[in-house]
Amino acid sequence: MNNNLKNTVVLRNLPSNIVEEAVIVFKPNIKLKEKQELDNNNKEDKNKERNKEKDYILKEAEMLVNNYIRRVEEKKKIKNEIQKKVDKKCKNLKKYVFIMGIILLLETIFIIIK
């Protein structure tokens, strides 16, 4: 079970109104494991390498979350634009129906008068 936990990162307290928590699961990377085995001789280099890998992991996770949030916001923006177009068409249709109703009423009155 510990092996699964090593390949996941949980991001909490994100500065977002949409995402409360994000869980990122990383693909197994054989190259990184080989690098770690080669660097076992020098502890300082190993620690630096781990810090670089952690920074890389955090940056990639941040990028993924940002891309997700951007896509969600773009979809929301597109929905709002479509809704505005539908509302405008509905308003124009209501005007058209009102005008046609008045014309129908006037024609009915003229037919009754004749």
N, C-alpha and C. Protein backbone atom coordinates (compact mmCIF):
# COMPACT_ATOMS: atom_id res chain seq x y z
N MET A 1 0.82 -1.19 0.00
CA MET A 1 0.00 0.00 0.00
C MET A 1 0.86 1.26 0.00
N ASN A 2 2.01 1.21 0.61
CA ASN A 2 2.91 2.37 0.62
C ASN A 2 3.40 2.72 -0.77
N ASN A 3 3.53 1.72 -1.64
CA ASN A 3 3.98 1.99 -3.01
C ASN A 3 3.00 2.90 -3.73
N ASN A 4 1.71 2.70 -3.50
CA ASN A 4 0.71 3.54 -4.14
C ASN A 4 0.77 4.97 -3.63
N LEU A 5 1.07 5.14 -2.37
CA LEU A 5 1.10 6.48 -1.79
C LEU A 5 2.28 7.28 -2.30
N LYS A 6 3.36 6.63 -2.69
CA LYS A 6 4.53 7.35 -3.18
C LYS A 6 4.25 8.04 -4.50
N ASN A 7 3.32 7.53 -5.28
CA ASN A 7 3.05 8.08 -6.60
C ASN A 7 1.84 9.00 -6.63
N THR A 8 1.41 9.49 -5.48
CA THR A 8 0.28 10.40 -5.44
C THR A 8 0.64 11.66 -4.68
N VAL A 9 0.00 12.74 -5.07
CA VAL A 9 0.15 14.02 -4.39
C VAL A 9 -1.26 14.58 -4.18
N VAL A 10 -1.54 15.01 -2.97
CA VAL A 10 -2.84 15.60 -2.66
C VAL A 10 -2.62 17.09 -2.45
N LEU A 11 -3.32 17.90 -3.23
CA LEU A 11 -3.23 19.34 -3.12
C LEU A 11 -4.48 19.85 -2.40
N ARG A 12 -4.27 20.53 -1.29
CA ARG A 12 -5.39 21.07 -0.52
C ARG A 12 -5.22 22.57 -0.36
N ASN A 13 -6.28 23.22 0.08
CA ASN A 13 -6.27 24.67 0.32
C ASN A 13 -5.84 25.43 -0.93
N LEU A 14 -6.40 25.03 -2.07
CA LEU A 14 -6.09 25.69 -3.33
C LEU A 14 -6.81 27.04 -3.37
N PRO A 15 -6.18 28.04 -3.94
CA PRO A 15 -6.83 29.35 -4.04
C PRO A 15 -7.84 29.36 -5.19
N SER A 16 -8.90 28.58 -5.04
CA SER A 16 -9.88 28.46 -6.10
C SER A 16 -11.27 28.35 -5.50
N ASN A 17 -12.24 28.88 -6.21
CA ASN A 17 -13.64 28.74 -5.80
C ASN A 17 -14.23 27.44 -6.33
N ILE A 18 -13.52 26.82 -7.26
CA ILE A 18 -14.04 25.63 -7.92
C ILE A 18 -13.48 24.36 -7.31
N VAL A 19 -12.17 24.32 -7.14
CA VAL A 19 -11.50 23.10 -6.71
C VAL A 19 -11.15 23.21 -5.23
N GLU A 20 -11.63 22.27 -4.45
CA GLU A 20 -11.31 22.26 -3.03
C GLU A 20 -10.06 21.43 -2.76
N GLU A 21 -9.97 20.29 -3.44
CA GLU A 21 -8.85 19.37 -3.22
C GLU A 21 -8.56 18.65 -4.52
N ALA A 22 -7.28 18.44 -4.82
CA ALA A 22 -6.89 17.73 -6.03
C ALA A 22 -5.95 16.60 -5.67
N VAL A 23 -6.21 15.45 -6.24
CA VAL A 23 -5.34 14.29 -6.03
C VAL A 23 -4.70 13.98 -7.38
N ILE A 24 -3.38 13.97 -7.40
CA ILE A 24 -2.66 13.71 -8.64
C ILE A 24 -1.92 12.39 -8.48
N VAL A 25 -2.15 11.49 -9.41
CA VAL A 25 -1.50 10.18 -9.39
C VAL A 25 -0.49 10.16 -10.53
N PHE A 26 0.77 9.90 -10.20
CA PHE A 26 1.83 9.93 -11.19
C PHE A 26 2.04 8.56 -11.81
N LYS A 27 2.43 8.58 -13.05
CA LYS A 27 2.78 7.35 -13.74
C LYS A 27 4.13 6.88 -13.20
N PRO A 28 4.35 5.58 -13.16
CA PRO A 28 5.68 5.11 -12.72
C PRO A 28 6.73 5.51 -13.73
N ASN A 29 7.82 6.05 -13.25
CA ASN A 29 8.87 6.54 -14.14
C ASN A 29 10.15 5.75 -13.87
N ILE A 30 10.48 4.87 -14.76
CA ILE A 30 11.64 3.99 -14.58
C ILE A 30 12.93 4.80 -14.61
N LYS A 31 13.00 5.82 -15.43
CA LYS A 31 14.22 6.62 -15.53
C LYS A 31 14.58 7.27 -14.20
N LEU A 32 13.60 7.78 -13.50
CA LEU A 32 13.88 8.42 -12.22
C LEU A 32 14.41 7.40 -11.21
N LYS A 33 13.89 6.18 -11.23
CA LYS A 33 14.36 5.15 -10.32
C LYS A 33 15.82 4.81 -10.63
N GLU A 34 16.18 4.73 -11.91
CA GLU A 34 17.57 4.45 -12.28
C GLU A 34 18.48 5.57 -11.83
N LYS A 35 18.05 6.81 -11.97
CA LYS A 35 18.85 7.95 -11.53
C LYS A 35 19.11 7.87 -10.04
N GLN A 36 18.08 7.54 -9.29
CA GLN A 36 18.24 7.47 -7.84
C GLN A 36 19.25 6.39 -7.47
N GLU A 37 19.25 5.26 -8.15
CA GLU A 37 20.19 4.19 -7.84
C GLU A 37 21.62 4.61 -8.17
N LEU A 38 21.80 5.37 -9.24
CA LEU A 38 23.14 5.82 -9.61
C LEU A 38 23.67 6.86 -8.63
N ASP A 39 22.79 7.65 -8.06
CA ASP A 39 23.20 8.73 -7.17
C ASP A 39 23.35 8.29 -5.72
N ASN A 40 23.22 7.04 -5.44
CA ASN A 40 23.32 6.57 -4.05
C ASN A 40 24.69 6.85 -3.45
N ASN A 41 25.74 6.98 -4.24
CA ASN A 41 27.08 7.18 -3.73
C ASN A 41 27.25 8.55 -3.07
N ASN A 42 26.64 9.54 -3.61
CA ASN A 42 26.83 10.90 -3.10
C ASN A 42 25.53 11.39 -2.47
N LYS A 43 25.50 11.51 -1.13
CA LYS A 43 24.27 11.87 -0.41
C LYS A 43 23.82 13.29 -0.72
N GLU A 44 24.77 14.21 -0.84
CA GLU A 44 24.39 15.60 -1.11
C GLU A 44 23.74 15.72 -2.48
N ASP A 45 24.33 15.06 -3.46
CA ASP A 45 23.75 15.09 -4.79
C ASP A 45 22.36 14.44 -4.79
N LYS A 46 22.23 13.40 -4.00
CA LYS A 46 20.95 12.69 -3.90
C LYS A 46 19.87 13.62 -3.33
N ASN A 47 20.22 14.35 -2.25
CA ASN A 47 19.25 15.26 -1.65
C ASN A 47 18.88 16.38 -2.62
N LYS A 48 19.87 16.90 -3.33
CA LYS A 48 19.58 17.96 -4.30
C LYS A 48 18.69 17.43 -5.41
N GLU A 49 18.99 16.22 -5.84
CA GLU A 49 18.19 15.61 -6.90
C GLU A 49 16.75 15.40 -6.44
N ARG A 50 16.57 14.94 -5.22
CA ARG A 50 15.21 14.76 -4.68
C ARG A 50 14.47 16.09 -4.62
N ASN A 51 15.18 17.14 -4.17
CA ASN A 51 14.54 18.45 -4.11
C ASN A 51 14.13 18.91 -5.50
N LYS A 52 15.00 18.67 -6.49
CA LYS A 52 14.66 19.05 -7.86
C LYS A 52 13.45 18.25 -8.34
N GLU A 53 13.44 16.96 -8.03
CA GLU A 53 12.31 16.13 -8.44
C GLU A 53 11.03 16.57 -7.75
N LYS A 54 11.13 16.90 -6.46
CA LYS A 54 9.94 17.37 -5.75
C LYS A 54 9.44 18.68 -6.36
N ASP A 55 10.37 19.60 -6.66
CA ASP A 55 9.98 20.85 -7.29
C ASP A 55 9.32 20.58 -8.64
N TYR A 56 9.91 19.67 -9.39
CA TYR A 56 9.34 19.33 -10.69
C TYR A 56 7.95 18.74 -10.53
N ILE A 57 7.79 17.85 -9.57
CA ILE A 57 6.49 17.23 -9.32
C ILE A 57 5.46 18.28 -8.94
N LEU A 58 5.84 19.18 -8.04
CA LEU A 58 4.90 20.22 -7.61
C LEU A 58 4.54 21.15 -8.76
N LYS A 59 5.54 21.51 -9.58
CA LYS A 59 5.27 22.39 -10.72
C LYS A 59 4.35 21.71 -11.72
N GLU A 60 4.59 20.43 -11.97
CA GLU A 60 3.73 19.72 -12.91
C GLU A 60 2.32 19.59 -12.35
N ALA A 61 2.20 19.29 -11.07
CA ALA A 61 0.88 19.19 -10.45
C ALA A 61 0.16 20.53 -10.51
N GLU A 62 0.88 21.58 -10.22
CA GLU A 62 0.30 22.92 -10.28
C GLU A 62 -0.17 23.24 -11.69
N MET A 63 0.66 22.89 -12.68
CA MET A 63 0.30 23.14 -14.06
C MET A 63 -0.97 22.37 -14.44
N LEU A 64 -1.07 21.11 -14.02
CA LEU A 64 -2.25 20.31 -14.33
C LEU A 64 -3.51 20.90 -13.71
N VAL A 65 -3.40 21.30 -12.46
CA VAL A 65 -4.56 21.89 -11.78
C VAL A 65 -4.96 23.22 -12.45
N ASN A 66 -3.96 24.03 -12.78
CA ASN A 66 -4.26 25.30 -13.44
C ASN A 66 -4.93 25.08 -14.79
N ASN A 67 -4.45 24.11 -15.55
CA ASN A 67 -5.07 23.80 -16.84
C ASN A 67 -6.51 23.34 -16.65
N TYR A 68 -6.74 22.52 -15.64
CA TYR A 68 -8.10 22.04 -15.37
C TYR A 68 -9.01 23.21 -15.02
N ILE A 69 -8.55 24.07 -14.14
CA ILE A 69 -9.36 25.22 -13.73
C ILE A 69 -9.63 26.12 -14.93
N ARG A 70 -8.62 26.33 -15.77
CA ARG A 70 -8.79 27.18 -16.95
C ARG A 70 -9.84 26.58 -17.89
N ARG A 71 -9.79 25.25 -18.10
CA ARG A 71 -10.78 24.60 -18.96
C ARG A 71 -12.19 24.73 -18.39
N VAL A 72 -12.32 24.56 -17.09
CA VAL A 72 -13.64 24.68 -16.46
C VAL A 72 -14.16 26.12 -16.61
N GLU A 73 -13.29 27.09 -16.40
CA GLU A 73 -13.72 28.49 -16.52
C GLU A 73 -14.06 28.83 -17.96
N GLU A 74 -13.32 28.27 -18.94
CA GLU A 74 -13.63 28.51 -20.34
C GLU A 74 -14.99 27.93 -20.71
N LYS A 75 -15.27 26.72 -20.21
CA LYS A 75 -16.57 26.11 -20.46
C LYS A 75 -17.68 26.97 -19.86
N LYS A 76 -17.43 27.48 -18.66
CA LYS A 76 -18.42 28.34 -17.99
C LYS A 76 -18.65 29.60 -18.81
N LYS A 77 -17.58 30.18 -19.33
CA LYS A 77 -17.66 31.40 -20.13
C LYS A 77 -18.45 31.13 -21.42
N ILE A 78 -18.18 29.99 -22.06
CA ILE A 78 -18.89 29.63 -23.29
C ILE A 78 -20.37 29.43 -22.99
N LYS A 79 -20.69 28.77 -21.87
CA LYS A 79 -22.09 28.58 -21.49
C LYS A 79 -22.78 29.92 -21.27
N ASN A 80 -22.09 30.85 -20.62
CA ASN A 80 -22.67 32.17 -20.39
C ASN A 80 -22.93 32.89 -21.70
N GLU A 81 -21.99 32.79 -22.65
CA GLU A 81 -22.20 33.44 -23.95
C GLU A 81 -23.38 32.84 -24.68
N ILE A 82 -23.48 31.51 -24.65
CA ILE A 82 -24.61 30.84 -25.31
C ILE A 82 -25.92 31.24 -24.64
N GLN A 83 -25.91 31.31 -23.30
CA GLN A 83 -27.12 31.69 -22.56
C GLN A 83 -27.54 33.12 -22.92
N LYS A 84 -26.57 34.01 -23.07
CA LYS A 84 -26.89 35.39 -23.46
C LYS A 84 -27.53 35.43 -24.84
N LYS A 85 -27.02 34.62 -25.78
CA LYS A 85 -27.59 34.59 -27.12
C LYS A 85 -29.02 34.05 -27.08
N VAL A 86 -29.23 33.00 -26.29
CA VAL A 86 -30.57 32.41 -26.17
C VAL A 86 -31.53 33.42 -25.53
N ASP A 87 -31.08 34.12 -24.51
CA ASP A 87 -31.92 35.13 -23.86
C ASP A 87 -32.29 36.24 -24.84
N LYS A 88 -31.33 36.67 -25.66
CA LYS A 88 -31.59 37.72 -26.64
C LYS A 88 -32.61 37.25 -27.67
N LYS A 89 -32.45 36.02 -28.14
CA LYS A 89 -33.42 35.47 -29.12
C LYS A 89 -34.80 35.33 -28.49
N CYS A 90 -34.84 34.92 -27.23
CA CYS A 90 -36.12 34.78 -26.53
C CYS A 90 -36.81 36.14 -26.40
N LYS A 91 -36.02 37.15 -26.07
CA LYS A 91 -36.57 38.51 -25.92
C LYS A 91 -37.12 39.01 -27.25
N ASN A 92 -36.36 38.76 -28.34
CA ASN A 92 -36.83 39.18 -29.67
C ASN A 92 -38.09 38.42 -30.06
N LEU A 93 -38.15 37.14 -29.72
CA LEU A 93 -39.34 36.33 -30.03
C LEU A 93 -40.55 36.84 -29.26
N LYS A 94 -40.36 37.22 -28.00
CA LYS A 94 -41.47 37.77 -27.21
C LYS A 94 -41.99 39.06 -27.85
N LYS A 95 -41.08 39.91 -28.31
CA LYS A 95 -41.49 41.15 -28.98
C LYS A 95 -42.28 40.84 -30.24
N TYR A 96 -41.78 39.86 -31.01
CA TYR A 96 -42.44 39.48 -32.25
C TYR A 96 -43.85 38.95 -31.97
N VAL A 97 -43.98 38.08 -30.98
CA VAL A 97 -45.28 37.52 -30.62
C VAL A 97 -46.23 38.62 -30.14
N PHE A 98 -45.73 39.55 -29.36
CA PHE A 98 -46.56 40.66 -28.88
C PHE A 98 -47.07 41.51 -30.04
N ILE A 99 -46.17 41.83 -30.97
CA ILE A 99 -46.56 42.65 -32.12
C ILE A 99 -47.56 41.88 -32.99
N MET A 100 -47.33 40.60 -33.23
CA MET A 100 -48.25 39.81 -34.03
C MET A 100 -49.62 39.70 -33.34
N GLY A 101 -49.61 39.63 -32.01
CA GLY A 101 -50.87 39.59 -31.27
C GLY A 101 -51.67 40.87 -31.46
N ILE A 102 -50.97 42.00 -31.39
CA ILE A 102 -51.65 43.29 -31.59
C ILE A 102 -52.22 43.38 -33.00
N ILE A 103 -51.43 42.95 -34.00
CA ILE A 103 -51.90 42.99 -35.39
C ILE A 103 -53.13 42.08 -35.55
N LEU A 104 -53.09 40.89 -34.97
CA LEU A 104 -54.21 39.97 -35.04
C LEU A 104 -55.45 40.58 -34.39
N LEU A 105 -55.26 41.23 -33.24
CA LEU A 105 -56.37 41.87 -32.55
C LEU A 105 -56.97 42.98 -33.40
N LEU A 106 -56.12 43.81 -34.03
CA LEU A 106 -56.61 44.90 -34.89
C LEU A 106 -57.36 44.34 -36.11
N GLU A 107 -56.82 43.29 -36.73
CA GLU A 107 -57.51 42.69 -37.88
C GLU A 107 -58.86 42.11 -37.48
N THR A 108 -58.90 41.50 -36.29
CA THR A 108 -60.19 40.96 -35.81
C THR A 108 -61.20 42.07 -35.61
N ILE A 109 -60.73 43.18 -35.03
CA ILE A 109 -61.64 44.33 -34.82
C ILE A 109 -62.13 44.87 -36.15
N PHE A 110 -61.24 45.00 -37.17
CA PHE A 110 -61.64 45.50 -38.48
C PHE A 110 -62.64 44.57 -39.17
N ILE A 111 -62.46 43.26 -38.98
CA ILE A 111 -63.38 42.29 -39.60
C ILE A 111 -64.75 42.40 -38.91
N ILE A 112 -64.80 42.56 -37.60
CA ILE A 112 -66.06 42.69 -36.89
C ILE A 112 -66.76 43.97 -37.28
N ILE A 113 -66.03 45.06 -37.46
CA ILE A 113 -66.61 46.36 -37.80
C ILE A 113 -67.22 46.30 -39.21
N LYS A 114 -66.60 45.66 -40.15
CA LYS A 114 -67.11 45.61 -41.52
C LYS A 114 -68.28 44.72 -41.54
